[in-house]
Amino acid sequence: MPLISRRFLPVATGLVLLVVTAIVLLAMGRVPICTCGEVKLWTWDVTSSDNSQHIADWYTFSHIIHGMIFYWVLHLAAPRLSLGWRAVAALVVEAAWEIVENSPWIIDRYREATIAAGYTGDSVLNSVFDILWMLLGFWLALRLPVWLTVVLALAMEIVAALVIRDNLTLNVVMLVWPLDTIREWQAAAGL
């Protein structure tokens, strides 16, 4: 008799991946929780040292959108793969991004190419929750009609752009091909 039922193997694999990701991040020197010593559900100020240190912040929307995108890409690219294994594949991609995002190379890139001059990387708590937020987006894309998933993703992008002058789209643009006009617009808000 197998130790874990085949039905629960993707769940067990996902949990192991979360733990391994946390261990890798700790080994990279990431702090487990905010150095402030607190664990907050939400942080409002993207310019504070609390940003990317707690359970959720304005960039949580980006991770939810990642999950929506991963759901649809995997739904189209790997339709024969079970839903559980597609979720594991999405988790692998998001976990890999969390590790790369917290590497000195990407942290330095954020500092030089974006307005995030004081960015120091995520806490392990924030990274693990970013992965869980991605899974929420994956689940939403599974459960909601396509049109509503698209409306939610657009709404999250618009709200983040209006409130913090940043979002997933702007973040990708500024990492890949920084534009002075975007940097100036973001800086005008004092971010």
C-alpha atoms as a PDB file:
ATOM      1  CA  MET A   1       0.000   0.000   0.000  1.00  0.00           C
ATOM      2  CA  PRO A   2       1.462   3.397  -0.977  1.00  0.00           C
ATOM      3  CA  LEU A   3       2.347   5.862   1.762  1.00  0.00           C
ATOM      4  CA  ILE A   4       0.324   8.618   0.041  1.00  0.00           C
ATOM      5  CA  SER A   5      -2.711   8.017  -2.125  1.00  0.00           C
ATOM      6  CA  ARG A   6      -2.217   8.983  -5.786  1.00  0.00           C
ATOM      7  CA  ARG A   7      -5.074  11.436  -5.356  1.00  0.00           C
ATOM      8  CA  PHE A   8      -3.211  13.379  -2.666  1.00  0.00           C
ATOM      9  CA  LEU A   9       0.244  13.111  -4.246  1.00  0.00           C
ATOM     10  CA  PRO A  10       0.019  16.556  -5.925  1.00  0.00           C
ATOM     11  CA  VAL A  11      -0.986  18.120  -2.586  1.00  0.00           C
ATOM     12  CA  ALA A  12       1.911  16.421  -0.789  1.00  0.00           C
ATOM     13  CA  THR A  13       4.271  17.451  -3.589  1.00  0.00           C
ATOM     14  CA  GLY A  14       3.050  21.048  -3.348  1.00  0.00           C
ATOM     15  CA  LEU A  15       3.610  21.123   0.406  1.00  0.00           C
ATOM     16  CA  VAL A  16       7.126  19.726  -0.002  1.00  0.00           C
ATOM     17  CA  LEU A  17       7.844  22.372  -2.670  1.00  0.00           C
ATOM     18  CA  LEU A  18       6.682  25.132  -0.306  1.00  0.00           C
ATOM     19  CA  VAL A  19       8.959  23.858   2.464  1.00  0.00           C
ATOM     20  CA  VAL A  20      11.910  23.436   0.088  1.00  0.00           C
ATOM     21  CA  THR A  21      11.369  26.968  -1.240  1.00  0.00           C
ATOM     22  CA  ALA A  22      11.376  28.355   2.303  1.00  0.00           C
ATOM     23  CA  ILE A  23      14.574  26.435   3.111  1.00  0.00           C
ATOM     24  CA  VAL A  24      16.277  27.706  -0.059  1.00  0.00           C
ATOM     25  CA  LEU A  25      15.267  31.290   0.743  1.00  0.00           C
ATOM     26  CA  LEU A  26      16.571  30.953   4.297  1.00  0.00           C
ATOM     27  CA  ALA A  27      19.822  29.497   2.942  1.00  0.00           C
ATOM     28  CA  MET A  28      20.074  32.551   0.644  1.00  0.00           C
ATOM     29  CA  GLY A  29      20.020  34.737   3.753  1.00  0.00           C
ATOM     30  CA  ARG A  30      16.419  35.933   3.516  1.00  0.00           C
ATOM     31  CA  VAL A  31      14.868  36.867   6.875  1.00  0.00           C
ATOM     32  CA  PRO A  32      12.085  34.553   8.086  1.00  0.00           C
ATOM     33  CA  ILE A  33       9.754  37.431   9.010  1.00  0.00           C
ATOM     34  CA  CYS A  34       9.949  41.208   8.982  1.00  0.00           C
ATOM     35  CA  THR A  35      12.907  42.477  10.985  1.00  0.00           C
ATOM     36  CA  CYS A  36      10.366  44.680  12.776  1.00  0.00           C
ATOM     37  CA  GLY A  37       9.423  41.515  14.703  1.00  0.00           C
ATOM     38  CA  GLU A  38       5.751  41.680  13.713  1.00  0.00           C
ATOM     39  CA  VAL A  39       3.609  39.646  11.349  1.00  0.00           C
ATOM     40  CA  LYS A  40       0.945  41.767   9.690  1.00  0.00           C
ATOM     41  CA  LEU A  41      -1.899  40.626   7.478  1.00  0.00           C
ATOM     42  CA  TRP A  42      -1.561  43.666   5.158  1.00  0.00           C
ATOM     43  CA  THR A  43       0.870  46.526   4.683  1.00  0.00           C
ATOM     44  CA  TRP A  44      -0.330  49.662   2.930  1.00  0.00           C
ATOM     45  CA  ASP A  45       2.849  51.658   2.356  1.00  0.00           C
ATOM     46  CA  VAL A  46       4.955  50.366  -0.547  1.00  0.00           C
ATOM     47  CA  THR A  47       7.757  52.752   0.401  1.00  0.00           C
ATOM     48  CA  SER A  48       8.119  51.449   3.956  1.00  0.00           C
ATOM     49  CA  SER A  49      10.457  48.723   5.141  1.00  0.00           C
ATOM     50  CA  ASP A  50       7.320  46.635   5.810  1.00  0.00           C
ATOM     51  CA  ASN A  51       6.665  46.211   2.090  1.00  0.00           C
ATOM     52  CA  SER A  52       7.238  42.626   0.876  1.00  0.00           C
ATOM     53  CA  GLN A  53       7.761  41.491   4.470  1.00  0.00           C
ATOM     54  CA  HIS A  54       4.302  40.425   5.606  1.00  0.00           C
ATOM     55  CA  ILE A  55       1.400  38.212   4.521  1.00  0.00           C
ATOM     56  CA  ALA A  56      -0.019  40.602   1.921  1.00  0.00           C
ATOM     57  CA  ASP A  57       0.663  43.967   0.328  1.00  0.00           C
ATOM     58  CA  TRP A  58      -0.186  45.771  -2.895  1.00  0.00           C
ATOM     59  CA  TYR A  59       1.947  43.302  -4.864  1.00  0.00           C
ATOM     60  CA  THR A  60      -0.273  40.426  -3.705  1.00  0.00           C
ATOM     61  CA  PHE A  61      -2.551  41.304  -6.624  1.00  0.00           C
ATOM     62  CA  SER A  62       0.298  40.498  -9.033  1.00  0.00           C
ATOM     63  CA  HIS A  63       0.670  37.030  -7.536  1.00  0.00           C
ATOM     64  CA  ILE A  64      -3.058  36.366  -7.779  1.00  0.00           C
ATOM     65  CA  ILE A  65      -2.867  37.366 -11.451  1.00  0.00           C
ATOM     66  CA  HIS A  66       0.122  35.019 -11.907  1.00  0.00           C
ATOM     67  CA  GLY A  67      -2.130  32.186 -10.761  1.00  0.00           C
ATOM     68  CA  MET A  68      -4.847  33.165 -13.218  1.00  0.00           C
ATOM     69  CA  ILE A  69      -2.337  33.292 -16.060  1.00  0.00           C
ATOM     70  CA  PHE A  70      -0.731  29.990 -15.059  1.00  0.00           C
ATOM     71  CA  TYR A  71      -4.138  28.309 -14.882  1.00  0.00           C
ATOM     72  CA  TRP A  72      -5.041  29.320 -18.432  1.00  0.00           C
ATOM     73  CA  VAL A  73      -1.599  28.650 -19.927  1.00  0.00           C
ATOM     74  CA  LEU A  74      -1.482  25.176 -18.363  1.00  0.00           C
ATOM     75  CA  HIS A  75      -5.130  24.514 -19.250  1.00  0.00           C
ATOM     76  CA  LEU A  76      -4.260  25.158 -22.907  1.00  0.00           C
ATOM     77  CA  ALA A  77      -0.721  23.737 -22.972  1.00  0.00           C
ATOM     78  CA  ALA A  78      -1.250  20.598 -20.871  1.00  0.00           C
ATOM     79  CA  PRO A  79      -4.961  19.691 -21.022  1.00  0.00           C
ATOM     80  CA  ARG A  80      -4.299  16.002 -20.271  1.00  0.00           C
ATOM     81  CA  LEU A  81      -2.376  16.787 -17.116  1.00  0.00           C
ATOM     82  CA  SER A  82      -4.587  16.503 -14.051  1.00  0.00           C
ATOM     83  CA  LEU A  83      -5.672  19.691 -12.328  1.00  0.00           C
ATOM     84  CA  GLY A  84      -3.550  18.806  -9.289  1.00  0.00           C
ATOM     85  CA  TRP A  85      -0.382  18.403 -11.336  1.00  0.00           C
ATOM     86  CA  ARG A  86      -1.124  21.605 -13.252  1.00  0.00           C
ATOM     87  CA  ALA A  87      -1.334  23.376  -9.879  1.00  0.00           C
ATOM     88  CA  VAL A  88       2.009  21.805  -8.914  1.00  0.00           C
ATOM     89  CA  ALA A  89       3.513  23.040 -12.201  1.00  0.00           C
ATOM     90  CA  ALA A  90       2.224  26.554 -11.432  1.00  0.00           C
ATOM     91  CA  LEU A  91       3.659  26.271  -7.927  1.00  0.00           C
ATOM     92  CA  VAL A  92       7.064  25.272  -9.334  1.00  0.00           C
ATOM     93  CA  VAL A  93       7.109  28.331 -11.611  1.00  0.00           C
ATOM     94  CA  GLU A  94       6.019  30.700  -8.830  1.00  0.00           C
ATOM     95  CA  ALA A  95       8.473  29.188  -6.332  1.00  0.00           C
ATOM     96  CA  ALA A  96      11.284  29.510  -8.870  1.00  0.00           C
ATOM     97  CA  TRP A  97      10.332  33.162  -9.394  1.00  0.00           C
ATOM     98  CA  GLU A  98      10.363  33.799  -5.634  1.00  0.00           C
ATOM     99  CA  ILE A  99      13.887  32.390  -5.445  1.00  0.00           C
ATOM    100  CA  VAL A 100      15.091  34.357  -8.486  1.00  0.00           C
ATOM    101  CA  GLU A 101      13.284  37.517  -7.329  1.00  0.00           C
ATOM    102  CA  ASN A 102      15.215  37.385  -4.077  1.00  0.00           C
ATOM    103  CA  SER A 103      18.593  36.849  -5.700  1.00  0.00           C
ATOM    104  CA  PRO A 104      21.071  39.734  -5.582  1.00  0.00           C
ATOM    105  CA  TRP A 105      20.813  40.033  -9.382  1.00  0.00           C
ATOM    106  CA  ILE A 106      17.050  40.798  -9.397  1.00  0.00           C
ATOM    107  CA  ILE A 107      17.158  42.867  -6.199  1.00  0.00           C
ATOM    108  CA  ASP A 108      19.867  45.024  -7.816  1.00  0.00           C
ATOM    109  CA  ARG A 109      17.852  45.178 -11.042  1.00  0.00           C
ATOM    110  CA  TYR A 110      14.808  46.468  -9.136  1.00  0.00           C
ATOM    111  CA  ARG A 111      16.993  49.113  -7.495  1.00  0.00           C
ATOM    112  CA  GLU A 112      18.573  50.335 -10.726  1.00  0.00           C
ATOM    113  CA  ALA A 113      15.680  49.996 -13.191  1.00  0.00           C
ATOM    114  CA  THR A 114      12.662  50.887 -11.060  1.00  0.00           C
ATOM    115  CA  ILE A 115      11.751  53.369  -8.369  1.00  0.00           C
ATOM    116  CA  ALA A 116      12.294  50.689  -5.696  1.00  0.00           C
ATOM    117  CA  ALA A 117      15.661  52.124  -4.657  1.00  0.00           C
ATOM    118  CA  GLY A 118      15.364  50.768  -1.108  1.00  0.00           C
ATOM    119  CA  TYR A 119      14.123  47.294  -2.053  1.00  0.00           C
ATOM    120  CA  THR A 120      15.919  44.604  -0.057  1.00  0.00           C
ATOM    121  CA  GLY A 121      13.931  41.526  -1.080  1.00  0.00           C
ATOM    122  CA  ASP A 122      11.097  39.595   0.496  1.00  0.00           C
ATOM    123  CA  SER A 123      10.888  37.892   3.855  1.00  0.00           C
ATOM    124  CA  VAL A 124      10.414  34.123   3.670  1.00  0.00           C
ATOM    125  CA  LEU A 125       6.915  34.608   5.105  1.00  0.00           C
ATOM    126  CA  ASN A 126       6.032  36.998   2.279  1.00  0.00           C
ATOM    127  CA  SER A 127       7.484  34.689  -0.386  1.00  0.00           C
ATOM    128  CA  VAL A 128       5.562  31.667   0.906  1.00  0.00           C
ATOM    129  CA  PHE A 129       2.365  33.694   0.994  1.00  0.00           C
ATOM    130  CA  ASP A 130       3.068  35.033  -2.504  1.00  0.00           C
ATOM    131  CA  ILE A 131       3.025  31.404  -3.667  1.00  0.00           C
ATOM    132  CA  LEU A 132      -0.216  30.762  -1.777  1.00  0.00           C
ATOM    133  CA  TRP A 133      -1.770  33.912  -3.291  1.00  0.00           C
ATOM    134  CA  MET A 134      -0.800  32.567  -6.709  1.00  0.00           C
ATOM    135  CA  LEU A 135      -2.663  29.356  -5.870  1.00  0.00           C
ATOM    136  CA  LEU A 136      -5.704  31.467  -4.973  1.00  0.00           C
ATOM    137  CA  GLY A 137      -5.543  33.064  -8.425  1.00  0.00           C
ATOM    138  CA  PHE A 138      -5.222  29.599  -9.986  1.00  0.00           C
ATOM    139  CA  TRP A 139      -8.305  28.454  -8.070  1.00  0.00           C
ATOM    140  CA  LEU A 140     -10.267  31.596  -9.027  1.00  0.00           C
ATOM    141  CA  ALA A 141      -9.471  31.030 -12.711  1.00  0.00           C
ATOM    142  CA  LEU A 142     -10.666  27.439 -12.339  1.00  0.00           C
ATOM    143  CA  ARG A 143     -13.945  28.424 -10.683  1.00  0.00           C
ATOM    144  CA  LEU A 144     -14.887  31.694 -12.362  1.00  0.00           C
ATOM    145  CA  PRO A 145     -16.018  32.299 -15.928  1.00  0.00           C
ATOM    146  CA  VAL A 146     -13.241  33.521 -18.211  1.00  0.00           C
ATOM    147  CA  TRP A 147     -14.817  36.961 -18.582  1.00  0.00           C
ATOM    148  CA  LEU A 148     -14.950  37.449 -14.805  1.00  0.00           C
ATOM    149  CA  THR A 149     -11.350  36.269 -14.381  1.00  0.00           C
ATOM    150  CA  VAL A 150     -10.260  38.831 -16.985  1.00  0.00           C
ATOM    151  CA  VAL A 151     -12.329  41.589 -15.326  1.00  0.00           C
ATOM    152  CA  LEU A 152     -10.835  40.768 -11.908  1.00  0.00           C
ATOM    153  CA  ALA A 153      -7.279  40.764 -13.273  1.00  0.00           C
ATOM    154  CA  LEU A 154      -7.837  44.091 -15.046  1.00  0.00           C
ATOM    155  CA  ALA A 155      -9.452  45.578 -11.931  1.00  0.00           C
ATOM    156  CA  MET A 156      -6.475  44.529  -9.777  1.00  0.00           C
ATOM    157  CA  GLU A 157      -4.055  46.025 -12.315  1.00  0.00           C
ATOM    158  CA  ILE A 158      -6.009  49.288 -12.545  1.00  0.00           C
ATOM    159  CA  VAL A 159      -6.468  49.697  -8.791  1.00  0.00           C
ATOM    160  CA  ALA A 160      -2.778  49.023  -8.108  1.00  0.00           C
ATOM    161  CA  ALA A 161      -1.750  51.451 -10.868  1.00  0.00           C
ATOM    162  CA  LEU A 162      -4.002  54.163  -9.466  1.00  0.00           C
ATOM    163  CA  VAL A 163      -3.065  53.652  -5.819  1.00  0.00           C
ATOM    164  CA  ILE A 164       0.661  52.812  -5.929  1.00  0.00           C
ATOM    165  CA  ARG A 165       1.524  53.585  -9.568  1.00  0.00           C
ATOM    166  CA  ASP A 166       2.783  50.046 -10.013  1.00  0.00           C
ATOM    167  CA  ASN A 167       1.322  46.675 -10.956  1.00  0.00           C
ATOM    168  CA  LEU A 168       2.291  43.425 -12.661  1.00  0.00           C
ATOM    169  CA  THR A 169       2.404  44.935 -16.147  1.00  0.00           C
ATOM    170  CA  LEU A 170       4.496  47.941 -15.108  1.00  0.00           C
ATOM    171  CA  ASN A 171       6.748  45.746 -12.999  1.00  0.00           C
ATOM    172  CA  VAL A 172       7.533  43.469 -15.957  1.00  0.00           C
ATOM    173  CA  VAL A 173       8.073  46.395 -18.316  1.00  0.00           C
ATOM    174  CA  MET A 174      10.423  48.123 -15.894  1.00  0.00           C
ATOM    175  CA  LEU A 175      12.443  44.960 -15.258  1.00  0.00           C
ATOM    176  CA  VAL A 176      12.755  44.026 -18.925  1.00  0.00           C
ATOM    177  CA  TRP A 177      12.814  47.386 -20.722  1.00  0.00           C
ATOM    178  CA  PRO A 178      12.851  50.309 -18.277  1.00  0.00           C
ATOM    179  CA  LEU A 179      11.173  53.430 -19.623  1.00  0.00           C
ATOM    180  CA  ASP A 180      11.992  56.859 -18.257  1.00  0.00           C
ATOM    181  CA  THR A 181       8.393  58.027 -18.763  1.00  0.00           C
ATOM    182  CA  ILE A 182       7.087  55.273 -16.482  1.00  0.00           C
ATOM    183  CA  ARG A 183       9.826  55.869 -13.888  1.00  0.00           C
ATOM    184  CA  GLU A 184       9.057  59.616 -13.882  1.00  0.00           C
ATOM    185  CA  TRP A 185       5.299  58.984 -13.541  1.00  0.00           C
ATOM    186  CA  GLN A 186       5.909  56.583 -10.648  1.00  0.00           C
ATOM    187  CA  ALA A 187       8.385  58.934  -8.969  1.00  0.00           C
ATOM    188  CA  ALA A 188       5.899  61.818  -9.187  1.00  0.00           C
ATOM    189  CA  ALA A 189       3.795  59.986  -6.607  1.00  0.00           C
ATOM    190  CA  GLY A 190       6.730  59.861  -4.206  1.00  0.00           C
ATOM    191  CA  LEU A 191       7.007  56.074  -4.305  1.00  0.00           C
END
